[in-house]
Amino acid sequence: MKALFIGGSGNISTPVSKLAIERGVELYHLNRGTRKVDIPGVKVIKGDITKKDEVAAAIAGHEWDVVVNWIAFTKEDILRDYELFKDNCKQYIFISSASAYQKPLTHPVITESTPLKNPYWQYSRDKISCEETLESLFRQKDFPMTIVRPSLTYDTVIPVAIGSWDDYTIIDRMKKGKPVIIHGDGSSLWTITHARDFAVGFIGLMGHQQALGQSFHITSDELLTWNQIYEAVANAAGVPLNAIHIASDFISEAAKKLDWCSMGGDFMLGNLQGDKAVSTIFDNTKIKTFVPEFNATTTFKKGIKETVEWFEADPSRMVIREENNRFMDAIIEAYQAG
């Protein structure tokens, strides 16, 4: 199998790339070469996907069994990719998002037939628009697409709702005994998936002829409350959890005034009401039917410990964003003053 990953060196795509190489895939990455991730066996085509003519020249003469775009976010991205790959690939896989599913839910269990509707988050609405465009291209132009919707998936990021992502801030904060925010009362259910488990399901869809025209989510079956999630993170940091519970709508309203921060403005409205404040119970029957070997085996307690150890193995990864600390302090201050 010959595959092209647009991107391919990110939090989720790196473990998928490694497993693809292990499984004998002839794998190419198309990227700008700015990320320092070396995956032995991957062939690199240097190019900027936003520059259509540049990419068309770079991939001229290639035929692909699978093309995966890890960094498509808008309808325009999809239409560009259609023009680039309509005549030279047998399967195009779009990475959507489980946040596209209906908010609030009218049924507690999410399947691939759950409606797509998110009035809170533009990011999710853009992903929905991408999916609708692909479905139209599949029906009208026979474009061989597959849609994959990851939920909160981690490997080299810290998957908390507030305070960190690709940085070490929340761990440093916990180790200093400072309070961390848990939205709501922490009792809503959530699913977090390790990227190496996700990779097994994903690789199984690559080249799968019955997956054409289909959509899948790929998640763990482990259900945790947000209290349990933060307790596991604190345990991985080796310290007690010092948590403060604040209502999601209060956080979102307070964040609107903090537009100096990447978590401020309308971001928390989407991040919480449009995603993490809602209990999510995923039915993984479909991916397990198409890829029988898929079974998420990494518990969050085990996986987050490995992630924290990965950060701490290299001091250059232990980035502390004071902006994130200031954001959390500002929300806590507003809550306590109220």
Protein backbone atom coordinates (compact mmCIF):
# COMPACT_ATOMS: atom_id res chain seq x y z
CA MET A 1 0.00 0.00 0.00
CA LYS A 2 1.26 3.47 -0.92
CA ALA A 3 -0.08 6.27 1.27
CA LEU A 4 0.29 10.02 1.57
CA PHE A 5 -0.26 11.79 4.89
CA ILE A 6 -0.79 15.53 4.65
CA GLY A 7 0.75 16.47 7.97
CA GLY A 8 1.65 13.21 9.67
CA SER A 9 3.92 14.33 12.50
CA GLY A 10 1.34 15.50 15.04
CA ASN A 11 -0.01 14.15 18.32
CA ILE A 12 -2.28 11.53 16.67
CA SER A 13 -0.69 11.16 13.26
CA THR A 14 2.79 10.29 14.55
CA PRO A 15 1.69 7.01 16.22
CA VAL A 16 -0.41 6.22 13.13
CA SER A 17 2.63 6.87 10.91
CA LYS A 18 4.80 4.60 13.05
CA LEU A 19 2.26 1.77 12.93
CA ALA A 20 1.82 2.22 9.18
CA ILE A 21 5.56 1.77 8.65
CA GLU A 22 5.54 -1.24 10.97
CA ARG A 23 2.72 -2.76 8.88
CA GLY A 24 4.69 -2.31 5.65
CA VAL A 25 2.95 0.74 4.23
CA GLU A 26 5.01 2.80 1.78
CA LEU A 27 4.35 6.07 3.57
CA TYR A 28 4.97 9.62 2.38
CA HIS A 29 4.49 12.78 4.40
CA LEU A 30 3.61 16.04 2.69
CA ASN A 31 4.56 18.94 4.95
CA ARG A 32 6.62 22.10 5.18
CA GLY A 33 9.40 20.37 7.13
CA THR A 34 9.07 22.68 10.14
CA ARG A 35 8.38 20.02 12.80
CA LYS A 36 11.34 18.09 14.14
CA VAL A 37 9.80 14.61 14.16
CA ASP A 38 11.89 11.88 12.58
CA ILE A 39 9.99 8.70 11.78
CA PRO A 40 12.31 6.10 10.24
CA GLY A 41 10.95 4.78 6.97
CA VAL A 42 8.79 7.79 6.09
CA LYS A 43 9.54 9.53 2.79
CA VAL A 44 9.04 13.29 2.85
CA ILE A 45 7.63 15.46 0.09
CA LYS A 46 8.23 19.07 1.03
CA GLY A 47 5.34 21.36 0.27
CA ASP A 48 2.71 23.67 1.70
CA ILE A 49 -0.77 22.18 1.21
CA THR A 50 -2.26 25.70 1.10
CA LYS A 51 -0.32 26.29 -2.14
CA LYS A 52 -2.21 24.11 -4.58
CA ASP A 53 0.02 24.57 -7.62
CA GLU A 54 3.17 23.92 -5.57
CA VAL A 55 1.71 20.67 -4.22
CA ALA A 56 0.43 19.57 -7.64
CA ALA A 57 3.98 19.87 -8.99
CA ALA A 58 5.45 18.05 -5.98
CA ILE A 59 3.14 15.01 -6.30
CA ALA A 60 3.12 14.82 -10.10
CA GLY A 61 3.51 11.25 -11.29
CA HIS A 62 2.42 9.68 -8.00
CA GLU A 63 -0.56 7.36 -7.59
CA TRP A 64 -1.88 6.80 -4.08
CA ASP A 65 -3.82 3.96 -2.51
CA VAL A 66 -4.67 6.24 0.40
CA VAL A 67 -4.43 9.98 1.03
CA VAL A 68 -5.07 11.27 4.56
CA ASN A 69 -5.43 14.96 5.34
CA TRP A 70 -4.76 15.49 9.05
CA ILE A 71 -5.00 19.28 8.78
CA ALA A 72 -8.13 20.05 6.74
CA PHE A 73 -10.55 22.35 8.54
CA THR A 74 -12.76 24.10 5.99
CA LYS A 75 -14.91 23.34 2.96
CA GLU A 76 -12.33 25.14 0.84
CA ASP A 77 -9.64 22.70 2.04
CA ILE A 78 -11.80 19.79 0.89
CA LEU A 79 -12.51 21.29 -2.52
CA ARG A 80 -8.78 21.96 -3.03
CA ASP A 81 -7.94 18.37 -2.08
CA TYR A 82 -10.60 17.05 -4.44
CA GLU A 83 -8.93 18.82 -7.34
CA LEU A 84 -5.49 17.56 -6.26
CA PHE A 85 -6.43 13.91 -5.69
CA LYS A 86 -9.60 13.12 -7.68
CA ASP A 87 -7.63 11.28 -10.37
CA ASN A 88 -4.74 9.78 -8.41
CA CYS A 89 -6.03 8.20 -5.19
CA LYS A 90 -8.22 5.21 -4.35
CA GLN A 91 -9.25 6.43 -0.88
CA TYR A 92 -9.23 9.89 0.68
CA ILE A 93 -9.59 9.97 4.48
CA PHE A 94 -10.74 13.17 6.16
CA ILE A 95 -10.02 13.71 9.85
CA SER A 96 -13.17 15.25 11.27
CA SER A 97 -14.04 15.57 14.97
CA ALA A 98 -16.42 13.90 17.42
CA SER A 99 -17.27 17.42 18.59
CA ALA A 100 -19.38 17.62 15.43
CA TYR A 101 -21.99 15.38 17.04
CA GLN A 102 -25.21 16.94 18.29
CA LYS A 103 -24.98 19.31 21.25
CA PRO A 104 -26.91 18.88 23.45
CA LEU A 105 -27.55 15.20 22.78
CA THR A 106 -31.10 13.87 22.50
CA HIS A 107 -29.85 10.32 23.13
CA PRO A 108 -27.01 9.56 25.56
CA VAL A 109 -25.19 6.98 23.40
CA ILE A 110 -23.34 8.32 20.35
CA THR A 111 -23.25 6.26 17.17
CA GLU A 112 -22.17 7.29 13.70
CA SER A 113 -25.83 8.04 12.93
CA THR A 114 -26.10 10.62 15.72
CA PRO A 115 -26.97 13.94 14.06
CA LEU A 116 -24.20 16.44 13.40
CA LYS A 117 -25.10 19.78 14.96
CA ASN A 118 -23.04 22.08 17.15
CA PRO A 119 -24.40 25.59 17.75
CA TYR A 120 -21.58 26.44 20.16
CA TRP A 121 -18.33 25.91 18.26
CA GLN A 122 -17.36 27.25 14.83
CA TYR A 123 -14.55 24.67 14.63
CA SER A 124 -17.14 21.88 14.79
CA ARG A 125 -19.46 23.58 12.31
CA ASP A 126 -16.56 23.87 9.87
CA LYS A 127 -15.85 20.15 10.25
CA ILE A 128 -19.54 19.43 9.57
CA SER A 129 -19.33 21.55 6.42
CA CYS A 130 -16.28 19.52 5.34
CA GLU A 131 -18.21 16.29 5.85
CA GLU A 132 -21.22 17.55 3.91
CA THR A 133 -18.97 18.57 1.03
CA LEU A 134 -17.30 15.16 0.96
CA GLU A 135 -20.64 13.35 1.06
CA SER A 136 -21.79 15.39 -1.92
CA LEU A 137 -18.56 14.63 -3.81
CA PHE A 138 -18.98 10.94 -3.03
CA ARG A 139 -22.57 10.86 -4.27
CA GLN A 140 -22.16 13.07 -7.33
CA LYS A 141 -18.52 12.53 -8.37
CA ASP A 142 -17.70 9.08 -6.94
CA PHE A 143 -14.87 10.59 -4.90
CA PRO A 144 -13.67 7.66 -2.73
CA MET A 145 -13.80 9.26 0.70
CA THR A 146 -13.89 7.99 4.28
CA ILE A 147 -14.57 10.16 7.33
CA VAL A 148 -12.94 9.54 10.72
CA ARG A 149 -14.03 11.40 13.86
CA PRO A 150 -11.51 11.26 16.72
CA SER A 151 -12.61 12.35 20.17
CA LEU A 152 -10.09 13.62 22.75
CA THR A 153 -7.01 11.64 21.69
CA TYR A 154 -3.58 12.01 23.27
CA ASP A 155 0.01 10.86 23.24
CA THR A 156 2.32 13.87 23.43
CA VAL A 157 -0.32 16.26 24.81
CA ILE A 158 -1.99 16.56 28.21
CA PRO A 159 -5.72 16.14 27.52
CA VAL A 160 -7.35 18.28 30.18
CA ALA A 161 -10.25 20.64 29.50
CA ILE A 162 -8.60 23.78 30.85
CA GLY A 163 -4.96 24.70 31.35
CA SER A 164 -2.73 22.63 29.06
CA TRP A 165 -2.48 20.84 25.77
CA ASP A 166 0.97 20.61 24.18
CA ASP A 167 2.58 22.28 27.20
CA TYR A 168 3.51 21.27 30.75
CA THR A 169 1.63 24.08 32.54
CA ILE A 170 -1.02 22.01 34.31
CA ILE A 171 1.57 19.55 35.68
CA ASP A 172 3.77 22.36 36.97
CA ARG A 173 0.73 24.00 38.53
CA MET A 174 -0.30 20.78 40.24
CA LYS A 175 3.21 20.22 41.57
CA LYS A 176 3.18 23.71 43.07
CA GLY A 177 -0.10 22.96 44.85
CA LYS A 178 -2.05 25.61 42.95
CA PRO A 179 -5.76 24.99 42.28
CA VAL A 180 -6.82 23.63 38.90
CA ILE A 181 -10.28 24.15 37.44
CA ILE A 182 -12.67 21.28 36.80
CA HIS A 183 -15.75 22.36 34.89
CA GLY A 184 -19.12 21.65 36.49
CA ASP A 185 -19.11 19.30 39.45
CA GLY A 186 -16.75 16.94 37.64
CA SER A 187 -19.30 14.13 37.43
CA SER A 188 -20.04 14.23 33.68
CA LEU A 189 -18.67 11.28 31.73
CA TRP A 190 -15.93 11.53 29.14
CA THR A 191 -13.83 9.27 26.94
CA ILE A 192 -10.11 9.79 26.33
CA THR A 193 -8.28 7.66 23.78
CA HIS A 194 -4.57 6.94 23.50
CA ALA A 195 -3.23 7.61 20.01
CA ARG A 196 -1.56 4.22 19.69
CA ASP A 197 -4.96 2.53 20.26
CA PHE A 198 -6.57 4.90 17.77
CA ALA A 199 -3.85 3.95 15.28
CA VAL A 200 -4.93 0.30 15.19
CA GLY A 201 -8.47 1.21 14.18
CA PHE A 202 -7.29 3.82 11.72
CA ILE A 203 -4.75 1.62 9.93
CA GLY A 204 -7.48 -1.01 9.60
CA LEU A 205 -9.60 1.46 7.61
CA MET A 206 -6.80 2.36 5.21
CA GLY A 207 -7.37 0.55 1.94
CA HIS A 208 -10.62 -0.99 3.24
CA GLN A 209 -12.89 -0.97 0.19
CA GLN A 210 -16.06 -1.27 2.28
CA ALA A 211 -15.10 1.88 4.21
CA LEU A 212 -15.63 4.11 1.18
CA GLY A 213 -18.47 6.56 1.72
CA GLN A 214 -18.59 5.66 5.42
CA SER A 215 -17.95 7.60 8.63
CA PHE A 216 -16.41 6.23 11.83
CA HIS A 217 -15.46 7.37 15.28
CA ILE A 218 -12.56 5.58 16.94
CA THR A 219 -12.48 5.88 20.73
CA SER A 220 -11.74 4.01 23.90
CA ASP A 221 -14.58 2.27 25.74
CA GLU A 222 -13.24 3.47 29.09
CA LEU A 223 -15.70 5.92 30.68
CA LEU A 224 -14.33 8.33 33.28
CA THR A 225 -15.72 11.31 35.12
CA TRP A 226 -13.76 14.53 34.80
CA ASN A 227 -12.94 14.20 38.50
CA GLN A 228 -11.33 10.82 37.77
CA ILE A 229 -9.48 12.27 34.78
CA TYR A 230 -7.92 15.08 36.81
CA GLU A 231 -7.16 12.68 39.66
CA ALA A 232 -5.25 10.47 37.20
CA VAL A 233 -3.30 13.48 35.91
CA ALA A 234 -2.40 14.53 39.47
CA ASN A 235 -1.39 10.96 40.28
CA ALA A 236 0.88 10.94 37.20
CA ALA A 237 2.41 14.18 38.49
CA GLY A 238 2.95 12.52 41.88
CA VAL A 239 0.92 15.04 43.88
CA PRO A 240 -2.54 15.37 45.48
CA LEU A 241 -5.25 17.00 43.40
CA ASN A 242 -6.18 20.54 44.42
CA ALA A 243 -9.33 21.16 42.39
CA ILE A 244 -11.91 23.91 42.28
CA HIS A 245 -15.23 23.18 40.58
CA ILE A 246 -16.75 26.00 38.52
CA ALA A 247 -19.88 25.86 36.36
CA SER A 248 -19.18 25.61 32.63
CA ASP A 249 -21.43 28.53 31.73
CA PHE A 250 -19.67 30.73 34.31
CA ILE A 251 -16.28 29.82 32.84
CA SER A 252 -17.50 30.55 29.32
CA GLU A 253 -18.98 33.93 30.26
CA ALA A 254 -15.91 34.96 32.24
CA ALA A 255 -13.60 33.82 29.41
CA LYS A 256 -15.29 36.19 26.95
CA LYS A 257 -13.68 39.11 28.78
CA LEU A 258 -10.21 37.54 28.54
CA ASP A 259 -9.57 37.92 24.83
CA TRP A 260 -5.84 38.33 25.46
CA CYS A 261 -5.62 34.56 25.97
CA SER A 262 -5.99 31.73 23.47
CA MET A 263 -8.50 30.15 25.88
CA GLY A 264 -10.45 33.40 26.18
CA GLY A 265 -13.08 35.00 23.98
CA ASP A 266 -15.58 32.44 22.65
CA PHE A 267 -13.16 29.51 22.82
CA MET A 268 -14.47 28.15 26.13
CA LEU A 269 -18.06 28.23 24.88
CA GLY A 270 -17.09 25.76 22.17
CA ASN A 271 -14.60 23.85 24.28
CA LEU A 272 -17.08 23.27 27.11
CA GLN A 273 -20.73 23.61 26.05
CA GLY A 274 -19.82 22.53 22.53
CA ASP A 275 -17.75 19.56 23.65
CA LYS A 276 -16.39 18.63 27.07
CA ALA A 277 -19.24 19.67 29.38
CA VAL A 278 -21.50 17.09 27.73
CA SER A 279 -21.32 13.45 28.80
CA THR A 280 -20.08 11.32 25.92
CA ILE A 281 -20.68 7.60 25.62
CA PHE A 282 -19.46 6.26 22.30
CA ASP A 283 -20.73 3.06 20.74
CA ASN A 284 -17.70 1.61 18.91
CA THR A 285 -19.58 -1.27 17.29
CA LYS A 286 -19.03 0.03 13.77
CA ILE A 287 -15.24 0.39 13.90
CA LYS A 288 -14.97 -3.00 15.62
CA THR A 289 -17.10 -4.55 12.86
CA PHE A 290 -14.94 -3.13 10.07
CA VAL A 291 -11.64 -3.59 11.96
CA PRO A 292 -12.05 -6.63 14.27
CA GLU A 293 -8.58 -6.24 15.77
CA PHE A 294 -9.40 -2.79 17.15
CA ASN A 295 -9.65 -2.76 20.93
CA ALA A 296 -8.46 0.16 23.01
CA THR A 297 -6.30 -1.37 25.75
CA THR A 298 -4.49 1.65 27.23
CA THR A 299 -6.18 2.89 30.38
CA PHE A 300 -5.97 6.61 30.96
CA LYS A 301 -4.20 6.06 34.27
CA LYS A 302 -1.42 4.18 32.45
CA GLY A 303 -1.34 6.38 29.36
CA ILE A 304 -1.18 9.74 31.11
CA LYS A 305 1.68 8.51 33.29
CA GLU A 306 3.61 7.68 30.11
CA THR A 307 2.78 11.11 28.69
CA VAL A 308 4.02 12.97 31.76
CA GLU A 309 7.19 10.87 31.70
CA TRP A 310 7.64 11.79 28.02
CA PHE A 311 7.46 15.50 28.87
CA GLU A 312 9.88 15.12 31.78
CA ALA A 313 12.39 13.08 29.75
CA ASP A 314 13.38 16.26 27.90
CA PRO A 315 13.38 19.64 29.70
CA SER A 316 12.75 21.42 26.38
CA ARG A 317 9.29 19.83 26.33
CA MET A 318 8.38 21.12 29.78
CA VAL A 319 7.06 24.43 28.49
CA ILE A 320 5.10 26.50 30.99
CA ARG A 321 2.72 29.01 29.43
CA GLU A 322 2.16 31.81 31.90
CA GLU A 323 -0.77 32.92 29.77
CA ASN A 324 -2.53 29.68 30.76
CA ASN A 325 -1.77 30.27 34.44
CA ARG A 326 -3.05 33.83 34.24
CA PHE A 327 -6.23 32.60 32.56
CA MET A 328 -6.95 30.03 35.27
CA ASP A 329 -6.14 32.52 38.03
CA ALA A 330 -8.46 35.10 36.44
CA ILE A 331 -11.37 32.64 36.20
CA ILE A 332 -10.87 31.50 39.80
CA GLU A 333 -10.66 35.09 41.02
CA ALA A 334 -13.86 36.03 39.19
CA TYR A 335 -15.64 32.97 40.60
CA GLN A 336 -14.57 33.61 44.17
CA ALA A 337 -15.46 37.31 43.89
CA GLY A 338 -18.91 36.40 42.59
